[in-house]
């Protein structure tokens, strides 16, 4: 299943993240693709808010992994950008297969670690603050994405 959604401001993008958070459960893996500045971290910040994370969700670019345990479920945020061409056996699989929801930016750099059952979100910058989100569920494991379209 594939759906397309659009936002027109950073706040709308964060609100979309909060809606996504309402459906997440332990074991969910969401991969985010898009150019630098597309809105991956803005969306993820909204997810953190929706999960009840009481600290600001920032890009883990230099840390690679940030973990948030004070929310409805544990929330793992991976930014694999700096892992291009690197040996990836650094324990990320524990977060990906963990007891919470895991969001992965730049998933192509750790593809061997990612499960087949995952939600894929491509973000396209349409100019200014306009974004297109393409949700793809290759294994039909995230049927709830259809309800996101209905709420838009």
Protein backbone atom coordinates (compact mmCIF):
# COMPACT_ATOMS: atom_id res chain seq x y z
CA UNK A 1 0.00 0.00 0.00
CA UNK A 2 1.23 3.49 -0.85
CA UNK A 3 -0.29 6.85 0.11
CA UNK A 4 0.80 10.44 -0.41
CA UNK A 5 0.29 13.26 2.07
CA UNK A 6 1.27 16.91 1.96
CA UNK A 7 2.20 19.47 4.62
CA UNK A 8 2.69 23.19 4.19
CA UNK A 9 4.55 24.21 7.35
CA UNK A 10 6.92 22.78 9.94
CA UNK A 11 4.03 22.68 12.42
CA UNK A 12 1.91 20.62 9.99
CA UNK A 13 4.87 18.24 9.55
CA UNK A 14 5.20 17.89 13.33
CA UNK A 15 1.43 17.35 13.59
CA UNK A 16 1.73 14.53 11.05
CA UNK A 17 4.45 13.02 13.25
CA UNK A 18 2.12 13.21 16.27
CA UNK A 19 -0.60 11.37 14.29
CA UNK A 20 1.90 8.67 13.30
CA UNK A 21 2.92 8.29 16.95
CA UNK A 22 -0.64 7.47 17.96
CA UNK A 23 -0.42 4.22 15.96
CA UNK A 24 3.10 3.09 16.88
CA UNK A 25 3.75 -0.01 18.93
CA UNK A 26 6.88 -1.79 20.16
CA UNK A 27 8.79 -3.38 17.32
CA UNK A 28 7.73 -0.89 14.65
CA UNK A 29 10.49 0.25 12.31
CA UNK A 30 10.05 3.35 10.15
CA UNK A 31 12.67 4.37 7.61
CA UNK A 32 12.88 7.97 6.39
CA UNK A 33 14.39 8.96 3.06
CA UNK A 34 14.86 12.43 1.62
CA UNK A 35 17.48 15.02 0.83
CA UNK A 36 19.21 17.07 3.52
CA UNK A 37 16.66 19.51 4.91
CA UNK A 38 13.67 17.56 3.60
CA UNK A 39 12.05 17.36 7.04
CA UNK A 40 13.06 13.96 8.41
CA UNK A 41 14.01 15.31 11.82
CA UNK A 42 11.00 17.66 11.95
CA UNK A 43 8.67 14.70 11.37
CA UNK A 44 10.57 12.62 13.93
CA UNK A 45 10.34 15.44 16.47
CA UNK A 46 6.56 15.35 16.09
CA UNK A 47 6.60 11.59 16.63
CA UNK A 48 8.54 12.13 19.85
CA UNK A 49 5.95 14.67 21.02
CA UNK A 50 3.16 12.24 20.16
CA UNK A 51 4.83 9.49 22.16
CA UNK A 52 5.09 11.78 25.17
CA UNK A 53 8.86 12.23 25.05
CA UNK A 54 9.45 15.17 27.37
CA UNK A 55 12.72 16.31 25.83
CA UNK A 56 13.46 17.84 22.45
CA UNK A 57 14.06 15.26 19.74
CA UNK A 58 17.09 16.40 17.76
CA UNK A 59 18.97 14.83 14.90
CA UNK A 60 21.44 12.24 16.19
CA UNK A 61 23.83 12.99 13.31
CA UNK A 62 26.97 13.01 15.43
CA UNK A 63 25.74 10.41 17.94
CA UNK A 64 24.19 8.08 15.31
CA UNK A 65 21.61 6.84 17.85
CA UNK A 66 19.47 8.66 20.40
CA UNK A 67 17.22 6.77 22.79
CA UNK A 68 14.18 8.21 24.56
CA UNK A 69 12.69 6.14 27.36
CA UNK A 70 10.27 8.58 28.98
CA UNK A 71 7.24 8.23 26.75
CA UNK A 72 4.40 5.84 25.97
CA UNK A 73 6.95 3.37 24.51
CA UNK A 74 10.73 3.56 24.07
CA UNK A 75 11.70 5.58 21.01
CA UNK A 76 14.94 5.01 19.09
CA UNK A 77 16.14 7.53 16.50
CA UNK A 78 18.99 6.52 14.21
CA UNK A 79 20.75 8.81 11.74
CA UNK A 80 22.89 6.53 9.57
CA UNK A 81 24.25 9.31 7.35
CA UNK A 82 27.79 9.06 8.75
CA UNK A 83 27.83 5.28 8.29
CA UNK A 84 28.08 5.32 4.50
CA UNK A 85 30.70 2.76 3.51
CA UNK A 86 31.46 1.91 7.15
CA UNK A 87 31.33 -1.36 9.03
CA UNK A 88 27.89 -1.23 10.64
CA UNK A 89 28.23 -3.82 13.41
CA UNK A 90 27.98 -1.23 16.19
CA UNK A 91 24.91 -2.48 18.06
CA UNK A 92 22.20 -0.67 16.10
CA UNK A 93 20.35 -3.95 15.68
CA UNK A 94 19.47 -3.81 19.39
CA UNK A 95 17.52 -0.59 18.80
CA UNK A 96 16.01 -1.80 15.52
CA UNK A 97 14.84 -5.08 17.06
CA UNK A 98 14.14 -3.46 20.43
CA UNK A 99 11.21 -2.92 22.71
CA UNK A 100 10.11 0.38 21.18
CA UNK A 101 9.57 2.17 17.90
CA UNK A 102 12.65 2.84 15.79
CA UNK A 103 12.97 5.63 13.21
CA UNK A 104 15.93 5.46 10.82
CA UNK A 105 17.15 8.39 8.74
CA UNK A 106 19.37 7.52 5.75
CA UNK A 107 18.38 3.81 5.87
CA UNK A 108 20.29 2.92 2.70
CA UNK A 109 23.52 3.02 4.71
CA UNK A 110 22.42 0.24 7.09
CA UNK A 111 20.12 -1.72 4.79
CA UNK A 112 21.40 -5.18 5.91
CA UNK A 113 20.24 -4.42 9.48
CA UNK A 114 16.70 -3.43 8.53
CA UNK A 115 13.77 -5.82 8.71
CA UNK A 116 11.64 -6.55 5.68
CA UNK A 117 8.57 -5.57 7.71
CA UNK A 118 8.92 -1.80 7.94
CA UNK A 119 7.19 1.40 6.99
CA UNK A 120 9.01 3.48 4.40
CA UNK A 121 8.49 7.24 4.21
CA UNK A 122 10.03 9.30 1.41
CA UNK A 123 9.99 13.05 1.97
CA UNK A 124 10.16 15.42 -0.98
CA UNK A 125 10.86 19.11 -0.53
CA UNK A 126 8.32 20.99 -2.65
CA UNK A 127 9.80 24.44 -1.87
CA UNK A 128 9.59 26.74 1.16
CA UNK A 129 7.87 24.64 3.87
CA UNK A 130 5.82 22.44 1.50
CA UNK A 131 6.54 18.72 1.76
CA UNK A 132 5.23 15.59 0.09
CA UNK A 133 5.29 12.38 2.15
CA UNK A 134 5.11 9.07 0.31
CA UNK A 135 4.25 6.23 2.70
CA UNK A 136 4.98 2.73 1.42
CA UNK A 137 4.11 -0.42 3.32
CA UNK A 138 5.68 -3.24 1.28
CA UNK A 139 4.43 -6.03 3.56
CA UNK A 140 1.00 -4.56 4.45
CA UNK A 141 2.00 -4.54 8.11
CA UNK A 142 1.08 -0.91 8.74
CA UNK A 143 -2.54 -0.80 7.56
CA UNK A 144 -3.14 2.21 9.78
CA UNK A 145 -1.45 4.51 7.25
CA UNK A 146 -4.74 4.58 5.34
CA UNK A 147 -6.32 6.35 8.30
CA UNK A 148 -3.68 9.11 8.04
CA UNK A 149 -4.95 9.87 4.56
CA UNK A 150 -8.54 10.00 5.79
CA UNK A 151 -7.59 12.56 8.48
CA UNK A 152 -5.72 14.88 6.12
